């Protein structure tokens, strides 16, 4: 599984990601990344919407 590391988040905030049940700490998203599933085919994309829970 691949991971997408994010930048510019507040490390102490909880973030919810659209389409996913879990919430993630900003520090974790910046250090470890958001797990993403591989996409099959050419020109496929995924859209993520993050919202801070704090």
PDB file of N, CA and C in Angstrom:
ATOM      1  N   UNK A   1       0.846  -1.177   0.000  1.00  0.00           N
ATOM      2  CA  UNK A   1       0.000   0.000   0.000  1.00  0.00           C
ATOM      3  C   UNK A   1       0.893   1.243   0.000  1.00  0.00           C
ATOM      4  N   UNK A   2       0.546   2.183  -0.814  1.00  0.00           N
ATOM      5  CA  UNK A   2       1.304   3.434  -0.892  1.00  0.00           C
ATOM      6  C   UNK A   2       0.762   4.429   0.111  1.00  0.00           C
ATOM      7  N   UNK A   3       1.569   5.419   0.411  1.00  0.00           N
ATOM      8  CA  UNK A   3       1.172   6.461   1.352  1.00  0.00           C
ATOM      9  C   UNK A   3       1.458   7.831   0.752  1.00  0.00           C
ATOM     10  N   UNK A   4       0.557   8.739   1.015  1.00  0.00           N
ATOM     11  CA  UNK A   4       0.679  10.117   0.541  1.00  0.00           C
ATOM     12  C   UNK A   4       0.990  10.996   1.747  1.00  0.00           C
ATOM     13  N   UNK A   5       2.223  11.507   1.815  1.00  0.00           N
ATOM     14  CA  UNK A   5       2.599  12.388   2.928  1.00  0.00           C
ATOM     15  C   UNK A   5       2.154  13.813   2.642  1.00  0.00           C
ATOM     16  N   UNK A   6       1.525  14.417   3.638  1.00  0.00           N
ATOM     17  CA  UNK A   6       0.988  15.766   3.494  1.00  0.00           C
ATOM     18  C   UNK A   6       1.889  16.778   4.180  1.00  0.00           C
ATOM     19  N   UNK A   7       1.729  18.041   3.833  1.00  0.00           N
ATOM     20  CA  UNK A   7       2.524  19.117   4.423  1.00  0.00           C
ATOM     21  C   UNK A   7       1.602  20.231   4.896  1.00  0.00           C
ATOM     22  N   UNK A   8       2.079  21.012   5.870  1.00  0.00           N
ATOM     23  CA  UNK A   8       1.388  22.219   6.289  1.00  0.00           C
ATOM     24  C   UNK A   8       0.201  22.020   7.208  1.00  0.00           C
ATOM     25  N   UNK A   9       0.069  20.838   7.796  1.00  0.00           N
ATOM     26  CA  UNK A   9      -1.036  20.591   8.727  1.00  0.00           C
ATOM     27  C   UNK A   9      -0.629  20.973  10.143  1.00  0.00           C
ATOM     28  N   UNK A  10      -1.597  21.131  11.023  1.00  0.00           N
ATOM     29  CA  UNK A  10      -1.307  21.334  12.438  1.00  0.00           C
ATOM     30  C   UNK A  10      -1.061  19.961  13.061  1.00  0.00           C
ATOM     31  N   UNK A  11       0.113  19.757  13.627  1.00  0.00           N
ATOM     32  CA  UNK A  11       0.511  18.451  14.132  1.00  0.00           C
ATOM     33  C   UNK A  11      -0.429  17.922  15.211  1.00  0.00           C
ATOM     34  N   UNK A  12      -0.996  18.796  16.037  1.00  0.00           N
ATOM     35  CA  UNK A  12      -1.814  18.344  17.164  1.00  0.00           C
ATOM     36  C   UNK A  12      -3.303  18.202  16.819  1.00  0.00           C
ATOM     37  N   UNK A  13      -3.700  18.556  15.623  1.00  0.00           N
ATOM     38  CA  UNK A  13      -5.116  18.467  15.225  1.00  0.00           C
ATOM     39  C   UNK A  13      -5.460  17.058  14.753  1.00  0.00           C
ATOM     40  N   UNK A  14      -6.712  16.671  14.972  1.00  0.00           N
ATOM     41  CA  UNK A  14      -7.277  15.466  14.368  1.00  0.00           C
ATOM     42  C   UNK A  14      -7.887  15.870  13.037  1.00  0.00           C
ATOM     43  N   UNK A  15      -7.678  15.053  12.016  1.00  0.00           N
ATOM     44  CA  UNK A  15      -8.237  15.318  10.701  1.00  0.00           C
ATOM     45  C   UNK A  15      -9.112  14.154  10.262  1.00  0.00           C
ATOM     46  N   UNK A  16     -10.247  14.483   9.695  1.00  0.00           N
ATOM     47  CA  UNK A  16     -11.132  13.494   9.078  1.00  0.00           C
ATOM     48  C   UNK A  16     -10.947  13.594   7.561  1.00  0.00           C
ATOM     49  N   UNK A  17     -10.964  12.433   6.937  1.00  0.00           N
ATOM     50  CA  UNK A  17     -10.779  12.369   5.491  1.00  0.00           C
ATOM     51  C   UNK A  17     -12.073  11.852   4.880  1.00  0.00           C
ATOM     52  N   UNK A  18     -12.578  12.574   3.883  1.00  0.00           N
ATOM     53  CA  UNK A  18     -13.835  12.171   3.248  1.00  0.00           C
ATOM     54  C   UNK A  18     -13.705  10.758   2.685  1.00  0.00           C
ATOM     55  N   UNK A  19     -14.734   9.955   2.908  1.00  0.00           N
ATOM     56  CA  UNK A  19     -14.741   8.595   2.402  1.00  0.00           C
ATOM     57  C   UNK A  19     -14.076   7.577   3.299  1.00  0.00           C
ATOM     58  N   UNK A  20     -13.419   8.017   4.362  1.00  0.00           N
ATOM     59  CA  UNK A  20     -12.770   7.100   5.297  1.00  0.00           C
ATOM     60  C   UNK A  20     -13.400   7.251   6.671  1.00  0.00           C
ATOM     61  N   UNK A  21     -13.493   6.167   7.397  1.00  0.00           N
ATOM     62  CA  UNK A  21     -14.123   6.170   8.716  1.00  0.00           C
ATOM     63  C   UNK A  21     -13.200   6.722   9.808  1.00  0.00           C
ATOM     64  N   UNK A  22     -11.911   6.480   9.691  1.00  0.00           N
ATOM     65  CA  UNK A  22     -10.959   6.862  10.739  1.00  0.00           C
ATOM     66  C   UNK A  22     -10.669   8.353  10.722  1.00  0.00           C
ATOM     67  N   UNK A  23     -10.059   8.802  11.814  1.00  0.00           N
ATOM     68  CA  UNK A  23      -9.495  10.148  11.862  1.00  0.00           C
ATOM     69  C   UNK A  23      -8.008  10.001  12.090  1.00  0.00           C
ATOM     70  N   UNK A  24      -7.244  10.985  11.681  1.00  0.00           N
ATOM     71  CA  UNK A  24      -5.787  10.918  11.719  1.00  0.00           C
ATOM     72  C   UNK A  24      -5.231  12.176  12.351  1.00  0.00           C
ATOM     73  N   UNK A  25      -4.179  12.026  13.142  1.00  0.00           N
ATOM     74  CA  UNK A  25      -3.460  13.173  13.688  1.00  0.00           C
ATOM     75  C   UNK A  25      -2.648  13.834  12.581  1.00  0.00           C
ATOM     76  N   UNK A  26      -2.574  15.152  12.626  1.00  0.00           N
ATOM     77  CA  UNK A  26      -1.806  15.889  11.637  1.00  0.00           C
ATOM     78  C   UNK A  26      -0.355  15.453  11.592  1.00  0.00           C
ATOM     79  N   UNK A  27       0.221  15.166  12.765  1.00  0.00           N
ATOM     80  CA  UNK A  27       1.607  14.708  12.818  1.00  0.00           C
ATOM     81  C   UNK A  27       1.786  13.406  12.048  1.00  0.00           C
ATOM     82  N   UNK A  28       0.844  12.503  12.212  1.00  0.00           N
ATOM     83  CA  UNK A  28       0.923  11.211  11.516  1.00  0.00           C
ATOM     84  C   UNK A  28       0.795  11.396  10.008  1.00  0.00           C
ATOM     85  N   UNK A  29      -0.118  12.254   9.575  1.00  0.00           N
ATOM     86  CA  UNK A  29      -0.296  12.490   8.146  1.00  0.00           C
ATOM     87  C   UNK A  29       0.943  13.102   7.513  1.00  0.00           C
ATOM     88  N   UNK A  30       1.660  13.923   8.275  1.00  0.00           N
ATOM     89  CA  UNK A  30       2.866  14.555   7.732  1.00  0.00           C
ATOM     90  C   UNK A  30       4.071  13.618   7.785  1.00  0.00           C
ATOM     91  N   UNK A  31       4.153  12.752   8.800  1.00  0.00           N
ATOM     92  CA  UNK A  31       5.313  11.874   8.943  1.00  0.00           C
ATOM     93  C   UNK A  31       5.140  10.541   8.218  1.00  0.00           C
ATOM     94  N   UNK A  32       4.011   9.884   8.408  1.00  0.00           N
ATOM     95  CA  UNK A  32       3.783   8.543   7.855  1.00  0.00           C
ATOM     96  C   UNK A  32       2.982   8.604   6.560  1.00  0.00           C
ATOM     97  N   UNK A  33       1.975   9.459   6.540  1.00  0.00           N
ATOM     98  CA  UNK A  33       1.186   9.634   5.331  1.00  0.00           C
ATOM     99  C   UNK A  33      -0.180   8.980   5.393  1.00  0.00           C
ATOM    100  N   UNK A  34      -0.998   9.325   4.449  1.00  0.00           N
ATOM    101  CA  UNK A  34      -2.341   8.796   4.311  1.00  0.00           C
ATOM    102  C   UNK A  34      -2.272   7.555   3.436  1.00  0.00           C
ATOM    103  N   UNK A  35      -2.784   6.414   3.920  1.00  0.00           N
ATOM    104  CA  UNK A  35      -2.738   5.205   3.080  1.00  0.00           C
ATOM    105  C   UNK A  35      -3.672   5.338   1.886  1.00  0.00           C
ATOM    106  N   UNK A  36      -3.155   5.016   0.715  1.00  0.00           N
ATOM    107  CA  UNK A  36      -3.973   5.072  -0.496  1.00  0.00           C
ATOM    108  C   UNK A  36      -3.855   3.740  -1.227  1.00  0.00           C
ATOM    109  N   UNK A  37      -4.948   3.335  -1.824  1.00  0.00           N
ATOM    110  CA  UNK A  37      -4.968   2.098  -2.596  1.00  0.00           C
ATOM    111  C   UNK A  37      -4.456   2.365  -3.995  1.00  0.00           C
ATOM    112  N   UNK A  38      -3.822   1.356  -4.602  1.00  0.00           N
ATOM    113  CA  UNK A  38      -3.354   1.548  -5.974  1.00  0.00           C
ATOM    114  C   UNK A  38      -4.531   1.728  -6.933  1.00  0.00           C
ATOM    115  N   UNK A  39      -4.320   2.512  -7.955  1.00  0.00           N
ATOM    116  CA  UNK A  39      -5.340   2.755  -8.971  1.00  0.00           C
ATOM    117  C   UNK A  39      -4.992   1.958 -10.220  1.00  0.00           C
ATOM    118  N   UNK A  40      -5.989   1.322 -10.810  1.00  0.00           N
ATOM    119  CA  UNK A  40      -5.779   0.560 -12.035  1.00  0.00           C
ATOM    120  C   UNK A  40      -6.119   1.417 -13.243  1.00  0.00           C
ATOM    121  N   UNK A  41      -5.309   1.317 -14.274  1.00  0.00           N
ATOM    122  CA  UNK A  41      -5.595   2.019 -15.521  1.00  0.00           C
ATOM    123  C   UNK A  41      -4.898   3.360 -15.625  1.00  0.00           C
ATOM    124  N   UNK A  42      -4.959   3.916 -16.792  1.00  0.00           N
ATOM    125  CA  UNK A  42      -4.341   5.211 -17.071  1.00  0.00           C
ATOM    126  C   UNK A  42      -5.269   6.351 -16.672  1.00  0.00           C
ATOM    127  N   UNK A  43      -4.683   7.447 -16.220  1.00  0.00           N
ATOM    128  CA  UNK A  43      -5.385   8.697 -15.937  1.00  0.00           C
ATOM    129  C   UNK A  43      -6.431   8.589 -14.830  1.00  0.00           C
ATOM    130  N   UNK A  44      -6.244   7.668 -13.910  1.00  0.00           N
ATOM    131  CA  UNK A  44      -7.149   7.553 -12.768  1.00  0.00           C
ATOM    132  C   UNK A  44      -6.690   8.541 -11.699  1.00  0.00           C
ATOM    133  N   UNK A  45      -7.626   9.024 -10.914  1.00  0.00           N
ATOM    134  CA  UNK A  45      -7.281   9.964  -9.847  1.00  0.00           C
ATOM    135  C   UNK A  45      -8.184   9.728  -8.645  1.00  0.00           C
ATOM    136  N   UNK A  46      -7.759  10.265  -7.526  1.00  0.00           N
ATOM    137  CA  UNK A  46      -8.526  10.188  -6.288  1.00  0.00           C
ATOM    138  C   UNK A  46      -8.550  11.577  -5.683  1.00  0.00           C
ATOM    139  N   UNK A  47      -9.669  11.945  -5.125  1.00  0.00           N
ATOM    140  CA  UNK A  47      -9.841  13.258  -4.510  1.00  0.00           C
ATOM    141  C   UNK A  47     -10.062  13.052  -3.024  1.00  0.00           C
ATOM    142  N   UNK A  48      -9.284  13.758  -2.180  1.00  0.00           N
ATOM    143  CA  UNK A  48      -9.404  13.691  -0.736  1.00  0.00           C
ATOM    144  C   UNK A  48      -9.825  15.050  -0.210  1.00  0.00           C
ATOM    145  N   UNK A  49     -10.771  15.055   0.720  1.00  0.00           N
ATOM    146  CA  UNK A  49     -11.145  16.294   1.404  1.00  0.00           C
ATOM    147  C   UNK A  49     -10.868  16.091   2.892  1.00  0.00           C
ATOM    148  N   UNK A  50      -9.966  16.913   3.431  1.00  0.00           N
ATOM    149  CA  UNK A  50      -9.620  16.852   4.849  1.00  0.00           C
ATOM    150  C   UNK A  50     -10.323  17.955   5.593  1.00  0.00           C
ATOM    151  N   UNK A  51     -10.780  17.638   6.787  1.00  0.00           N
ATOM    152  CA  UNK A  51     -11.349  18.670   7.659  1.00  0.00           C
ATOM    153  C   UNK A  51     -10.801  18.457   9.060  1.00  0.00           C
ATOM    154  N   UNK A  52     -10.387  19.542   9.680  1.00  0.00           N
ATOM    155  CA  UNK A  52      -9.840  19.487  11.034  1.00  0.00           C
ATOM    156  C   UNK A  52     -10.987  19.301  12.032  1.00  0.00           C
ATOM    157  N   UNK A  53     -10.807  18.350  12.938  1.00  0.00           N
ATOM    158  CA  UNK A  53     -11.841  18.069  13.942  1.00  0.00           C
ATOM    159  C   UNK A  53     -11.668  18.953  15.165  1.00  0.00           C
ATOM    160  N   UNK A  54     -10.519  19.605  15.355  1.00  0.00           N
ATOM    161  CA  UNK A  54     -10.284  20.459  16.515  1.00  0.00           C
ATOM    162  C   UNK A  54     -10.616  21.886  16.174  1.00  0.00           C
TER     163      UNK A  54
END
